[in-house]
Amino acid sequence: MPYTSASAVEIDRKLREDFRRRLKEYGVSAETTDPLLAVLFRTFAQQLEVLYSDTGRIRLALLDELISGLGLQKRMARPAQTVVRFFDTNRTRLIEGGTALTGEASTGAKLTFLTDAPVTVSSARICFAATYEEGAFRLLAGVEMDERFQNARPSLEAVKTNLGPNPALFLAIEPPAEGHLGGHGFYFDFSPDAVEIQKALTRETWCLAGPAGDFSAAGILRPKVGNAGLGRLEWLMPKQRAASAGDPVNDDVAPLPPGFYAGKAYVLPAFPAARRLLCRQPRALEPALARMFGREAANLFATERVWIKITFPRGLPSLQTGIGGVALHAITASNVECLNQTIYFEKHGTAIPISKEGGTDWHLVAPLSVISETDTPYLLETEPSADALVGRYAIRNGRIELTPATFPGGKPHAYANVRVWISAGLAGNQVGPGKIAAIQLKDYAGGLRVSNPTAAAGGTSTEEFADARSRFTTALLSRDRVVTRGDLFAISNSFDRRVLDTTIRSGVERVDGALRRVERVTVYLNKDDFNDPELEARYLLEDLRVVLTKRFLHDIELSLQVEWEES
């Protein structure tokens, strides 16, 4: 509800009326007001007017204190985000996360964008893409096929085949001359009415075909949310994840909140030698590809390529009309810069402006770090610690307020180093498509081109009070713990979209010589939703066990099992 500010004249009149009414209650009639009281009323009215006019700022300040105290995401600016593509046909190279790009706004201003994660650029290219849904296999119109495939004049009509009940997207990628697809990025262009498809892509598995042409657990990848909402794929099997510990996607860039293109860009992990899978064509697709390409199919699919299958849940809008295109060598970039400043307390004080609200020319996105003179980090003002020497910081009204760390003898430190993310806020949205053309690389030797097929969008100068309050309320109402049977059912049933139903049976059993409460949870799955049902279901249960164990009350045992339902 918006607050209305009363003027000093209105407040003064109301004070006089209230004063006369109270006198009348005591039997005193006063037609005129004493001059001294009149001056007092006007002075008090002026003070109240100033207080009322500042109500909005006070509300925001109180909300900021609550959010900070509960450890929630602070009310900051959000950087504009765009999608960039890199091209280098000469060699395979890694573009580091945080690589600076220069974009030109419609006002002529030059703005800096940083890539949200590392991405590998090579000569790899998508040479074939098709969708499968409701028994029909069809070319995806939004992907430009390799020239050899186009010259074969494939059928544009749907080819009838049976690949299971779930829709799917198939991609055939020509790998680079050196290496594989580790660290390569994809951008999916969705139509405006394909929101459900975009949401499904953020949680559905990807699967690479093996040398025998089968899609098995050895090639399964799962998406996770990364920096700025970028999708980061990881291997299903823990051993494979450990083998790719040198994953170039594991960057050192501090996380940003999800941007405008979250859910549309994805980066593959590093590929261990045993997982650099190639095949000529998936066995299940051989009849459909033969009918689609005719006699040319044998020549076209004689070369080993990377085949990727992305399975989608049933009941979605058509993939043919929902997916407008798929682009390789793409990554998101956000309009942020790192402000790095050393604060000398004697010279600069302990309250330093770091955003436009405090008097600077930029907007604060997030604090990165505050490091003391002895290289120890400062802690948030509300963060508990037994160390009496540690420095503290808080962000209020566009300023960072520092409580200097001290030496063991009690002497305060002389300086601290402050690093924060800053952004142009709303101004970042003025960078249109094709307006990012400059790349800032230390060892840039030419041959690398950059383009951006999308306009920058999603930038804000600050989070509005209504949005912050709604987020705060949601955080308070959401219970991140399992107390009742309803809590256990809700978390288990919503853990994965492939969980069809959940049953819970409670009991008391003797465990290690003591009576313990045991919750036996059975999840119901359908084998058609998995590439390798038994193996994938085992990992699903392990992940569910980790989630539930963290939220369970003490002294409660958990038992998980799977029941398979028929199609």
Protein backbone atom coordinates (compact mmCIF):
# COMPACT_ATOMS: atom_id res chain seq x y z
CA MET A 1 0.00 0.00 0.00
CA PRO A 2 1.55 3.36 -0.99
CA TYR A 3 2.09 5.92 1.70
CA THR A 4 0.74 9.47 1.19
CA SER A 5 2.85 12.33 2.53
CA ALA A 6 1.01 15.13 4.33
CA SER A 7 2.24 18.71 3.95
CA ALA A 8 3.35 20.86 6.87
CA VAL A 9 0.23 23.06 6.48
CA GLU A 10 -2.10 20.05 6.75
CA ILE A 11 -0.22 18.69 9.77
CA ASP A 12 -0.29 22.12 11.46
CA ARG A 13 -4.05 22.44 10.92
CA LYS A 14 -4.67 18.96 12.29
CA LEU A 15 -2.56 19.69 15.38
CA ARG A 16 -4.57 22.88 16.08
CA GLU A 17 -7.89 21.04 15.66
CA ASP A 18 -6.80 18.25 18.01
CA PHE A 19 -5.58 20.80 20.55
CA ARG A 20 -8.92 22.72 20.52
CA ARG A 21 -10.89 19.44 20.81
CA ARG A 22 -8.93 18.34 23.86
CA LEU A 23 -9.40 21.75 25.51
CA LYS A 24 -13.12 21.55 24.83
CA GLU A 25 -13.28 18.15 26.55
CA TYR A 26 -12.02 19.90 29.69
CA GLY A 27 -14.56 22.71 29.36
CA VAL A 28 -12.18 25.32 27.94
CA SER A 29 -13.16 27.24 24.81
CA ALA A 30 -10.26 28.72 22.80
CA GLU A 31 -11.06 30.66 19.62
CA THR A 32 -7.45 31.70 19.13
CA THR A 33 -4.16 29.87 19.62
CA ASP A 34 -1.41 31.21 21.80
CA PRO A 35 1.43 32.62 19.59
CA LEU A 36 4.02 30.48 21.33
CA LEU A 37 1.92 27.34 20.76
CA ALA A 38 1.41 28.37 17.12
CA VAL A 39 5.18 28.51 16.58
CA LEU A 40 5.56 25.17 18.37
CA PHE A 41 2.86 23.55 16.20
CA ARG A 42 4.42 24.87 12.96
CA THR A 43 7.91 23.70 13.99
CA PHE A 44 6.60 20.27 14.95
CA ALA A 45 4.62 20.09 11.68
CA GLN A 46 7.77 20.81 9.67
CA GLN A 47 9.61 17.99 11.43
CA LEU A 48 6.75 15.57 10.82
CA GLU A 49 6.64 16.54 7.14
CA VAL A 50 10.33 15.66 6.78
CA LEU A 51 9.74 12.35 8.56
CA TYR A 52 6.72 11.47 6.37
CA SER A 53 8.60 12.32 3.18
CA ASP A 54 11.35 9.90 4.23
CA THR A 55 8.97 7.01 4.96
CA GLY A 56 9.83 5.19 1.72
CA ARG A 57 13.54 5.23 2.49
CA ILE A 58 12.92 4.09 6.07
CA ARG A 59 10.83 1.13 4.85
CA LEU A 60 13.57 0.12 2.44
CA ALA A 61 16.23 0.48 5.12
CA LEU A 62 14.27 -1.72 7.55
CA LEU A 63 13.64 -4.34 4.85
CA ASP A 64 17.33 -4.32 3.94
CA GLU A 65 18.21 -4.91 7.61
CA LEU A 66 15.83 -7.90 7.79
CA ILE A 67 17.10 -9.42 4.53
CA SER A 68 20.71 -8.98 5.61
CA GLY A 69 20.07 -10.45 9.06
CA LEU A 70 18.47 -13.59 7.60
CA GLY A 71 21.25 -14.10 5.09
CA LEU A 72 19.00 -13.64 2.04
CA GLN A 73 20.11 -12.17 -1.26
CA LYS A 74 20.44 -8.42 -0.79
CA ARG A 75 18.37 -5.83 -2.66
CA MET A 76 20.88 -4.92 -5.37
CA ALA A 77 20.96 -3.93 -9.01
CA ARG A 78 20.83 -6.63 -11.68
CA PRO A 79 23.19 -6.47 -14.66
CA ALA A 80 21.91 -6.60 -18.22
CA GLN A 81 22.73 -9.87 -19.97
CA THR A 82 23.30 -10.81 -23.60
CA VAL A 83 24.46 -13.83 -25.60
CA VAL A 84 27.75 -13.77 -27.51
CA ARG A 85 29.19 -16.23 -30.01
CA PHE A 86 32.87 -16.74 -30.82
CA PHE A 87 34.30 -17.99 -34.11
CA ASP A 88 37.82 -19.32 -34.70
CA THR A 89 38.30 -21.89 -37.44
CA ASN A 90 42.10 -21.84 -37.15
CA ARG A 91 42.53 -23.54 -33.78
CA THR A 92 40.83 -24.63 -30.58
CA ARG A 93 41.12 -22.06 -27.80
CA LEU A 94 39.62 -21.39 -24.39
CA ILE A 95 37.92 -18.06 -23.71
CA GLU A 96 38.29 -17.53 -19.97
CA GLY A 97 35.37 -16.67 -17.75
CA GLY A 98 35.29 -12.94 -17.05
CA THR A 99 36.72 -12.03 -20.47
CA ALA A 100 35.87 -8.37 -21.10
CA LEU A 101 33.80 -7.35 -24.14
CA THR A 102 32.92 -3.82 -25.20
CA GLY A 103 29.37 -2.99 -26.24
CA GLU A 104 27.96 0.22 -27.63
CA ALA A 105 24.66 1.51 -26.25
CA SER A 106 22.13 3.41 -28.37
CA THR A 107 23.31 6.58 -26.59
CA GLY A 108 26.85 6.02 -27.84
CA ALA A 109 28.18 5.05 -24.42
CA LYS A 110 30.74 2.22 -24.24
CA LEU A 111 29.77 -0.47 -21.72
CA THR A 112 31.74 -3.46 -20.49
CA PHE A 113 30.33 -7.00 -20.52
CA LEU A 114 32.08 -9.99 -18.92
CA THR A 115 31.55 -13.59 -20.04
CA ASP A 116 29.76 -15.55 -17.32
CA ALA A 117 31.93 -18.68 -17.61
CA PRO A 118 34.78 -20.12 -19.68
CA VAL A 119 33.86 -21.46 -23.12
CA THR A 120 35.88 -23.41 -25.68
CA VAL A 121 35.94 -22.21 -29.29
CA SER A 122 36.87 -24.54 -32.15
CA SER A 123 35.97 -25.60 -35.66
CA ALA A 124 33.16 -27.84 -34.35
CA ARG A 125 29.77 -27.25 -35.96
CA ILE A 126 26.22 -28.57 -35.80
CA CYS A 127 25.59 -30.44 -39.04
CA PHE A 128 22.18 -31.96 -38.31
CA ALA A 129 19.28 -31.36 -35.91
CA ALA A 130 15.88 -33.03 -35.68
CA THR A 131 12.97 -33.40 -33.29
CA TYR A 132 10.94 -36.43 -32.35
CA GLU A 133 7.43 -36.19 -30.94
CA GLU A 134 4.31 -38.36 -31.12
CA GLY A 135 5.92 -40.91 -33.45
CA ALA A 136 7.16 -38.29 -35.95
CA PHE A 137 10.85 -37.57 -36.72
CA ARG A 138 11.42 -34.22 -38.47
CA LEU A 139 14.25 -31.82 -39.33
CA LEU A 140 14.53 -28.78 -37.04
CA ALA A 141 14.12 -25.77 -39.29
CA GLY A 142 15.97 -23.35 -37.01
CA VAL A 143 19.39 -24.99 -37.46
CA GLU A 144 21.45 -24.41 -40.58
CA MET A 145 22.61 -27.85 -41.76
CA ASP A 146 25.99 -28.66 -43.17
CA GLU A 147 26.23 -28.09 -46.93
CA ARG A 148 26.60 -31.82 -47.64
CA PHE A 149 23.33 -32.51 -45.81
CA GLN A 150 21.54 -29.72 -47.65
CA ASN A 151 22.71 -30.98 -51.05
CA ALA A 152 21.20 -34.37 -50.25
CA ARG A 153 17.76 -32.67 -50.29
CA PRO A 154 16.35 -34.46 -47.25
CA SER A 155 12.62 -34.88 -46.82
CA LEU A 156 11.01 -31.97 -44.99
CA GLU A 157 7.99 -34.09 -44.13
CA ALA A 158 7.70 -35.98 -40.86
CA VAL A 159 9.08 -39.52 -40.93
CA LYS A 160 7.06 -42.05 -38.96
CA THR A 161 9.11 -44.00 -36.40
CA ASN A 162 8.90 -45.28 -32.84
CA LEU A 163 11.50 -43.84 -30.45
CA GLY A 164 9.43 -44.09 -27.29
CA PRO A 165 6.67 -41.97 -25.70
CA ASN A 166 8.80 -38.93 -24.80
CA PRO A 167 9.64 -36.12 -27.23
CA ALA A 168 13.33 -35.50 -27.87
CA LEU A 169 15.80 -33.26 -29.68
CA PHE A 170 18.69 -34.87 -31.60
CA LEU A 171 21.90 -33.03 -32.54
CA ALA A 172 24.75 -34.32 -34.71
CA ILE A 173 27.94 -32.31 -34.22
CA GLU A 174 31.10 -32.43 -36.29
CA PRO A 175 33.88 -32.51 -33.66
CA PRO A 176 36.98 -30.31 -33.99
CA ALA A 177 40.15 -31.68 -35.55
CA GLU A 178 41.78 -31.64 -32.11
CA GLY A 179 40.07 -32.50 -28.86
CA HIS A 180 36.37 -33.08 -28.31
CA LEU A 181 33.40 -30.96 -27.19
CA GLY A 182 34.56 -30.32 -23.62
CA GLY A 183 33.76 -26.76 -22.56
CA HIS A 184 31.71 -25.93 -25.68
CA GLY A 185 28.63 -23.75 -25.23
CA PHE A 186 25.13 -23.91 -26.74
CA TYR A 187 22.42 -21.26 -27.07
CA PHE A 188 18.77 -22.25 -27.59
CA ASP A 189 16.47 -19.72 -29.22
CA PHE A 190 12.89 -20.26 -28.02
CA SER A 191 9.67 -18.79 -29.36
CA PRO A 192 7.65 -16.57 -26.95
CA ASP A 193 5.12 -19.35 -26.26
CA ALA A 194 7.78 -21.97 -25.43
CA VAL A 195 8.23 -21.11 -21.76
CA GLU A 196 7.44 -24.67 -20.65
CA ILE A 197 10.01 -26.09 -23.07
CA GLN A 198 12.63 -23.68 -21.72
CA LYS A 199 11.82 -24.68 -18.13
CA ALA A 200 12.01 -28.37 -19.03
CA LEU A 201 15.44 -27.92 -20.61
CA THR A 202 16.84 -26.64 -17.30
CA ARG A 203 16.23 -30.01 -15.64
CA GLU A 204 16.25 -32.65 -18.43
CA THR A 205 19.21 -34.95 -19.06
CA TRP A 206 21.43 -34.88 -22.13
CA CYS A 207 22.85 -38.14 -23.44
CA LEU A 208 25.71 -38.85 -25.87
CA ALA A 209 25.52 -41.91 -28.11
CA GLY A 210 28.24 -44.50 -27.56
CA PRO A 211 30.42 -46.14 -30.25
CA ALA A 212 27.80 -48.85 -30.72
CA GLY A 213 25.13 -46.22 -31.41
CA ASP A 214 23.26 -46.65 -28.13
CA PHE A 215 22.26 -43.95 -25.63
CA SER A 216 23.37 -45.36 -22.25
CA ALA A 217 24.29 -44.12 -18.79
CA ALA A 218 27.95 -43.70 -19.83
CA GLY A 219 27.01 -40.61 -21.83
CA ILE A 220 24.40 -39.00 -19.54
CA LEU A 221 24.81 -35.35 -18.50
CA ARG A 222 22.68 -33.39 -16.04
CA PRO A 223 22.21 -29.59 -16.02
CA LYS A 224 22.98 -27.48 -12.96
CA VAL A 225 22.45 -23.75 -12.51
CA GLY A 226 25.72 -21.83 -12.70
CA ASN A 227 26.84 -18.22 -12.65
CA ALA A 228 24.18 -15.73 -13.85
CA GLY A 229 21.77 -18.62 -14.51
CA LEU A 230 24.03 -20.28 -17.09
CA GLY A 231 23.34 -24.01 -17.41
CA ARG A 232 26.40 -26.09 -16.50
CA LEU A 233 26.20 -29.73 -17.53
CA GLU A 234 27.90 -32.39 -15.42
CA TRP A 235 28.34 -36.11 -15.78
CA LEU A 236 25.84 -38.39 -14.10
CA MET A 237 28.42 -40.76 -12.62
CA PRO A 238 30.55 -39.46 -9.70
CA LYS A 239 33.71 -41.10 -11.10
CA GLN A 240 33.27 -39.20 -14.35
CA ARG A 241 32.73 -35.95 -12.45
CA ALA A 242 35.94 -36.60 -10.49
CA ALA A 243 37.82 -37.35 -13.72
CA SER A 244 36.75 -33.96 -15.10
CA ALA A 245 37.90 -32.04 -12.02
CA GLY A 246 39.96 -29.90 -14.36
CA ASP A 247 36.74 -28.77 -16.00
CA PRO A 248 37.36 -25.34 -17.60
CA VAL A 249 33.84 -24.36 -16.59
CA ASN A 250 34.85 -24.41 -12.90
CA ASP A 251 35.82 -20.76 -13.02
CA ASP A 252 36.75 -18.35 -10.27
CA VAL A 253 34.20 -15.68 -11.10
CA ALA A 254 31.98 -14.72 -8.16
CA PRO A 255 28.37 -15.80 -8.82
CA LEU A 256 25.83 -13.35 -10.21
CA PRO A 257 22.04 -13.71 -9.91
CA PRO A 258 20.23 -15.39 -12.84
CA GLY A 259 20.07 -13.08 -15.84
CA PHE A 260 17.55 -12.52 -18.63
CA TYR A 261 18.87 -15.44 -20.72
CA ALA A 262 18.99 -17.95 -17.86
CA GLY A 263 17.84 -21.36 -19.09
CA LYS A 264 18.82 -20.65 -22.71
CA ALA A 265 22.60 -21.15 -22.63
CA TYR A 266 24.48 -24.30 -21.57
CA VAL A 267 28.13 -25.32 -21.29
CA LEU A 268 29.44 -28.88 -21.54
CA PRO A 269 31.92 -30.19 -18.93
CA ALA A 270 35.42 -31.49 -19.60
CA PHE A 271 35.39 -34.87 -21.33
CA PRO A 272 37.57 -37.61 -19.79
CA ALA A 273 39.35 -39.70 -22.42
CA ALA A 274 36.95 -42.60 -21.86
CA ARG A 275 33.93 -40.36 -22.46
CA ARG A 276 34.91 -38.78 -25.78
CA LEU A 277 32.09 -40.70 -27.43
CA LEU A 278 31.60 -40.79 -31.21
CA CYS A 279 29.40 -42.85 -33.50
CA ARG A 280 28.26 -42.85 -37.12
CA GLN A 281 24.56 -42.81 -36.29
CA PRO A 282 22.42 -43.98 -33.37
CA ARG A 283 20.97 -47.42 -34.00
CA ALA A 284 17.43 -46.29 -33.17
CA LEU A 285 17.62 -43.56 -35.83
CA GLU A 286 18.94 -45.65 -38.73
CA PRO A 287 15.53 -46.43 -40.33
CA ALA A 288 14.29 -42.86 -39.94
CA LEU A 289 17.50 -41.32 -41.35
CA ALA A 290 17.45 -43.74 -44.29
CA ARG A 291 13.90 -42.67 -45.22
CA MET A 292 14.70 -38.98 -44.68
CA PHE A 293 17.91 -38.87 -46.80
CA GLY A 294 17.30 -41.77 -49.17
CA ARG A 295 20.31 -43.25 -50.93
CA GLU A 296 22.63 -40.51 -49.62
CA ALA A 297 22.18 -41.64 -46.02
CA ALA A 298 24.94 -44.25 -46.20
CA ASN A 299 27.53 -41.66 -47.33
CA LEU A 300 26.37 -38.86 -45.03
CA PHE A 301 26.46 -40.97 -41.89
CA ALA A 302 29.66 -42.86 -42.59
CA THR A 303 31.64 -40.31 -40.56
CA GLU A 304 31.86 -40.56 -36.79
CA ARG A 305 30.28 -37.57 -35.02
CA VAL A 306 29.03 -36.55 -31.60
CA TRP A 307 25.33 -37.38 -31.29
CA ILE A 308 23.37 -35.75 -28.46
CA LYS A 309 19.85 -36.63 -27.40
CA ILE A 310 17.89 -34.30 -25.10
CA THR A 311 14.75 -35.96 -23.78
CA PHE A 312 11.72 -33.84 -22.81
CA PRO A 313 8.65 -34.73 -20.71
CA ARG A 314 5.34 -35.48 -22.34
CA GLY A 315 2.64 -32.82 -22.59
CA LEU A 316 4.82 -29.91 -23.76
CA PRO A 317 4.07 -27.62 -26.72
CA SER A 318 5.51 -28.69 -30.07
CA LEU A 319 9.32 -28.70 -30.16
CA GLN A 320 9.20 -27.85 -33.86
CA THR A 321 7.55 -24.49 -33.27
CA GLY A 322 8.96 -23.88 -29.78
CA ILE A 323 12.68 -24.23 -30.58
CA GLY A 324 13.66 -21.51 -33.03
CA GLY A 325 17.28 -22.57 -33.33
CA VAL A 326 20.38 -23.97 -31.65
CA ALA A 327 23.78 -22.22 -31.88
CA LEU A 328 27.21 -23.56 -30.94
CA HIS A 329 30.17 -21.62 -29.41
CA ALA A 330 27.79 -19.40 -27.42
CA ILE A 331 27.98 -18.05 -23.88
CA THR A 332 26.15 -15.41 -21.87
CA ALA A 333 27.83 -12.15 -20.86
CA SER A 334 26.75 -9.71 -18.14
CA ASN A 335 27.20 -5.96 -17.87
CA VAL A 336 29.43 -5.96 -14.78
CA GLU A 337 32.83 -4.62 -13.81
CA CYS A 338 34.95 -5.33 -10.76
CA LEU A 339 35.65 -2.26 -8.64
CA ASN A 340 38.87 -2.89 -6.70
CA GLN A 341 39.83 -0.19 -4.21
CA THR A 342 42.17 0.02 -1.22
CA ILE A 343 40.61 2.00 1.62
CA TYR A 344 42.96 3.88 3.94
CA PHE A 345 40.87 4.59 7.01
CA GLU A 346 42.71 7.72 8.08
CA LYS A 347 42.27 9.25 4.61
CA HIS A 348 38.95 7.83 3.36
CA GLY A 349 37.12 7.08 6.60
CA THR A 350 35.16 3.92 7.29
CA ALA A 351 31.96 4.65 5.30
CA ILE A 352 32.72 4.60 1.57
CA PRO A 353 30.16 5.15 -1.25
CA ILE A 354 29.94 2.15 -3.59
CA SER A 355 26.71 2.75 -5.52
CA LYS A 356 24.67 5.52 -7.09
CA GLU A 357 22.55 5.80 -3.95
CA GLY A 358 25.73 6.77 -2.11
CA GLY A 359 26.82 9.28 -4.74
CA THR A 360 28.81 7.26 -7.32
CA ASP A 361 28.17 6.89 -11.08
CA TRP A 362 27.43 3.16 -10.99
CA HIS A 363 25.04 0.67 -9.38
CA LEU A 364 26.05 -2.03 -6.90
CA VAL A 365 25.40 -5.63 -7.97
CA ALA A 366 27.11 -7.58 -5.18
CA PRO A 367 30.07 -7.35 -2.80
CA LEU A 368 32.90 -9.72 -3.69
CA SER A 369 35.34 -9.48 -0.81
CA VAL A 370 36.78 -7.23 1.87
CA ILE A 371 40.34 -8.22 2.79
CA SER A 372 42.25 -6.90 5.79
CA GLU A 373 45.82 -5.69 6.05
CA THR A 374 46.86 -9.22 7.11
CA ASP A 375 44.99 -10.89 4.20
CA THR A 376 42.12 -12.14 6.39
CA PRO A 377 38.54 -11.63 5.13
CA TYR A 378 36.13 -9.23 6.79
CA LEU A 379 32.84 -10.75 7.96
CA LEU A 380 29.31 -9.43 7.58
CA GLU A 381 28.12 -7.41 10.53
CA THR A 382 25.53 -10.08 11.40
CA GLU A 383 27.79 -13.12 10.91
CA PRO A 384 28.74 -14.81 14.21
CA SER A 385 32.42 -15.29 15.03
CA ALA A 386 34.49 -15.92 18.16
CA ASP A 387 37.42 -13.95 16.74
CA ALA A 388 37.44 -10.53 18.40
CA LEU A 389 40.11 -9.25 15.98
CA VAL A 390 38.16 -9.84 12.77
CA GLY A 391 36.93 -6.87 10.72
CA ARG A 392 33.24 -6.33 9.95
CA TYR A 393 31.32 -4.69 7.12
CA ALA A 394 27.75 -3.72 6.31
CA ILE A 395 26.12 -2.12 3.25
CA ARG A 396 23.65 0.69 3.99
CA ASN A 397 22.26 3.50 1.84
CA GLY A 398 24.73 2.94 -0.98
CA ARG A 399 27.77 2.87 1.31
CA ILE A 400 29.93 0.12 2.72
CA GLU A 401 30.54 0.68 6.42
CA LEU A 402 33.73 -0.91 7.75
CA THR A 403 34.68 -1.76 11.31
CA PRO A 404 38.48 -2.10 10.99
CA ALA A 405 40.15 -5.33 12.02
CA THR A 406 42.65 -5.10 14.86
CA PHE A 407 46.06 -6.55 15.64
CA PRO A 408 46.50 -8.81 18.72
CA GLY A 409 47.70 -5.82 20.73
CA GLY A 410 44.48 -3.92 20.02
CA LYS A 411 45.85 -1.54 17.36
CA PRO A 412 43.40 -1.13 14.42
CA HIS A 413 44.48 -1.91 10.87
CA ALA A 414 45.40 1.02 8.64
CA TYR A 415 43.66 -0.16 5.46
CA ALA A 416 41.45 -2.77 3.80
CA ASN A 417 40.90 -3.85 0.19
CA VAL A 418 37.31 -3.76 -1.10
CA ARG A 419 36.14 -5.57 -4.26
CA VAL A 420 32.55 -5.26 -5.52
CA TRP A 421 30.58 -5.97 -8.71
CA ILE A 422 29.21 -2.79 -10.29
CA SER A 423 26.94 -2.30 -13.30
CA ALA A 424 25.38 0.37 -15.50
CA GLY A 425 21.93 -0.91 -14.44
CA LEU A 426 19.11 0.07 -16.80
CA ALA A 427 21.57 1.68 -19.22
CA GLY A 428 22.90 -1.80 -20.06
CA ASN A 429 19.60 -2.65 -21.76
CA GLN A 430 20.38 -0.11 -24.49
CA VAL A 431 22.96 -2.39 -26.15
CA GLY A 432 21.20 -3.90 -29.16
CA PRO A 433 22.00 -7.06 -31.13
CA GLY A 434 25.27 -6.92 -33.02
CA LYS A 435 26.59 -4.05 -30.88
CA ILE A 436 29.27 -6.08 -29.10
CA ALA A 437 32.21 -6.22 -31.44
CA ALA A 438 35.37 -5.71 -29.38
CA ILE A 439 37.06 -8.35 -27.25
CA GLN A 440 39.73 -7.57 -24.69
CA LEU A 441 42.26 -10.42 -24.54
CA LYS A 442 45.82 -10.14 -23.27
CA ASP A 443 47.24 -12.63 -25.79
CA TYR A 444 44.87 -11.76 -28.63
CA ALA A 445 46.62 -12.63 -31.88
CA GLY A 446 43.77 -12.28 -34.35
CA GLY A 447 41.63 -14.93 -36.00
CA LEU A 448 38.96 -14.73 -33.30
CA ARG A 449 35.65 -13.09 -34.09
CA VAL A 450 32.77 -12.27 -31.74
CA SER A 451 29.14 -11.47 -32.41
CA ASN A 452 26.02 -11.19 -30.32
CA PRO A 453 22.75 -12.39 -31.84
CA THR A 454 20.61 -10.99 -29.01
CA ALA A 455 20.01 -7.61 -27.42
CA ALA A 456 21.08 -7.01 -23.84
CA ALA A 457 18.14 -7.17 -21.44
CA GLY A 458 17.16 -7.65 -17.82
CA GLY A 459 19.27 -4.86 -16.32
CA THR A 460 17.84 -2.94 -13.36
CA SER A 461 19.26 -0.09 -11.32
CA THR A 462 17.84 -1.50 -8.08
CA GLU A 463 15.26 -3.98 -6.85
CA GLU A 464 11.93 -2.30 -6.17
CA PHE A 465 10.40 -2.46 -2.69
CA ALA A 466 7.43 -4.58 -3.83
CA ASP A 467 9.67 -7.20 -5.48
CA ALA A 468 12.02 -7.36 -2.48
CA ARG A 469 9.11 -7.68 -0.06
CA SER A 470 7.57 -10.48 -2.13
CA ARG A 471 10.90 -12.34 -2.22
CA PHE A 472 11.34 -11.82 1.52
CA THR A 473 7.83 -13.13 2.25
CA THR A 474 8.38 -16.21 0.08
CA ALA A 475 11.64 -16.98 1.87
CA LEU A 476 9.93 -16.76 5.26
CA LEU A 477 6.99 -18.93 4.24
CA SER A 478 9.07 -21.64 2.56
CA ARG A 479 10.15 -24.29 5.03
CA ASP A 480 13.54 -25.78 4.27
CA ARG A 481 13.02 -28.69 6.64
CA VAL A 482 11.06 -31.95 6.96
CA VAL A 483 8.75 -31.97 9.99
CA THR A 484 5.41 -33.43 8.93
CA ARG A 485 4.44 -36.24 6.57
CA GLY A 486 3.19 -33.55 4.19
CA ASP A 487 6.66 -31.96 4.11
CA LEU A 488 8.26 -35.31 3.28
CA PHE A 489 5.72 -36.04 0.55
CA ALA A 490 6.03 -32.59 -1.04
CA ILE A 491 9.84 -32.64 -1.19
CA SER A 492 10.04 -36.23 -2.47
CA ASN A 493 7.29 -35.77 -5.06
CA SER A 494 8.72 -32.54 -6.46
CA PHE A 495 12.38 -33.61 -6.38
CA ASP A 496 12.41 -34.76 -10.02
CA ARG A 497 9.74 -34.51 -12.69
CA ARG A 498 10.20 -38.24 -13.38
CA VAL A 499 8.84 -39.07 -9.91
CA LEU A 500 5.24 -40.01 -10.70
CA ASP A 501 4.07 -40.55 -7.13
CA THR A 502 5.35 -41.13 -3.60
CA THR A 503 4.12 -43.26 -0.74
CA ILE A 504 5.32 -42.96 2.85
CA ARG A 505 5.11 -45.56 5.60
CA SER A 506 6.17 -44.59 9.13
CA GLY A 507 7.12 -46.94 11.91
CA VAL A 508 9.31 -47.58 14.94
CA GLU A 509 12.10 -50.14 14.63
CA ARG A 510 15.04 -51.27 16.70
CA VAL A 511 18.24 -49.84 15.18
CA ASP A 512 21.62 -50.48 16.85
CA GLY A 513 19.92 -51.58 20.06
CA ALA A 514 17.61 -48.57 20.34
CA LEU A 515 14.13 -47.77 19.12
CA ARG A 516 14.24 -45.32 16.23
CA ARG A 517 11.54 -43.76 14.10
CA VAL A 518 11.88 -44.90 10.47
CA GLU A 519 10.34 -43.24 7.40
CA ARG A 520 10.09 -45.65 4.46
CA VAL A 521 9.68 -43.67 1.23
CA THR A 522 8.76 -45.35 -2.03
CA VAL A 523 9.02 -43.36 -5.26
CA TYR A 524 7.25 -44.54 -8.40
CA LEU A 525 9.05 -44.16 -11.74
CA ASN A 526 8.47 -45.08 -15.39
CA LYS A 527 11.29 -46.80 -17.28
CA ASP A 528 10.41 -44.92 -20.47
CA ASP A 529 11.64 -41.70 -18.81
CA PHE A 530 15.22 -43.01 -18.52
CA ASN A 531 18.00 -43.97 -20.91
CA ASP A 532 19.41 -46.49 -18.39
CA PRO A 533 16.57 -46.99 -15.87
CA GLU A 534 18.31 -49.07 -13.19
CA LEU A 535 21.49 -47.04 -13.02
CA GLU A 536 19.81 -43.62 -13.29
CA ALA A 537 17.24 -44.55 -10.65
CA ARG A 538 20.03 -45.49 -8.26
CA TYR A 539 21.66 -42.07 -8.63
CA LEU A 540 18.28 -40.37 -8.33
CA LEU A 541 17.70 -42.10 -4.98
CA GLU A 542 21.19 -41.16 -3.76
CA ASP A 543 20.61 -37.49 -4.60
CA LEU A 544 17.17 -37.58 -2.96
CA ARG A 545 18.68 -39.15 0.14
CA VAL A 546 21.23 -36.32 0.42
CA VAL A 547 18.48 -33.68 0.14
CA LEU A 548 16.21 -35.33 2.69
CA THR A 549 18.99 -36.13 5.17
CA LYS A 550 20.00 -32.46 5.32
CA ARG A 551 16.42 -31.48 6.17
CA PHE A 552 15.47 -34.34 8.49
CA LEU A 553 15.15 -33.97 12.25
CA HIS A 554 17.65 -35.86 14.40
CA ASP A 555 17.15 -39.53 15.33
CA ILE A 556 14.97 -40.36 12.32
CA GLU A 557 16.06 -43.14 9.96
CA LEU A 558 15.30 -42.91 6.23
CA SER A 559 14.68 -45.79 3.85
CA LEU A 560 14.25 -45.19 0.08
CA GLN A 561 13.16 -47.61 -2.61
CA VAL A 562 11.83 -47.56 -6.19
CA GLU A 563 8.74 -49.10 -7.71
CA TRP A 564 8.37 -49.19 -11.50
CA GLU A 565 5.06 -48.34 -13.12
CA GLU A 566 3.93 -49.59 -16.50
CA SER A 567 3.51 -47.15 -19.40
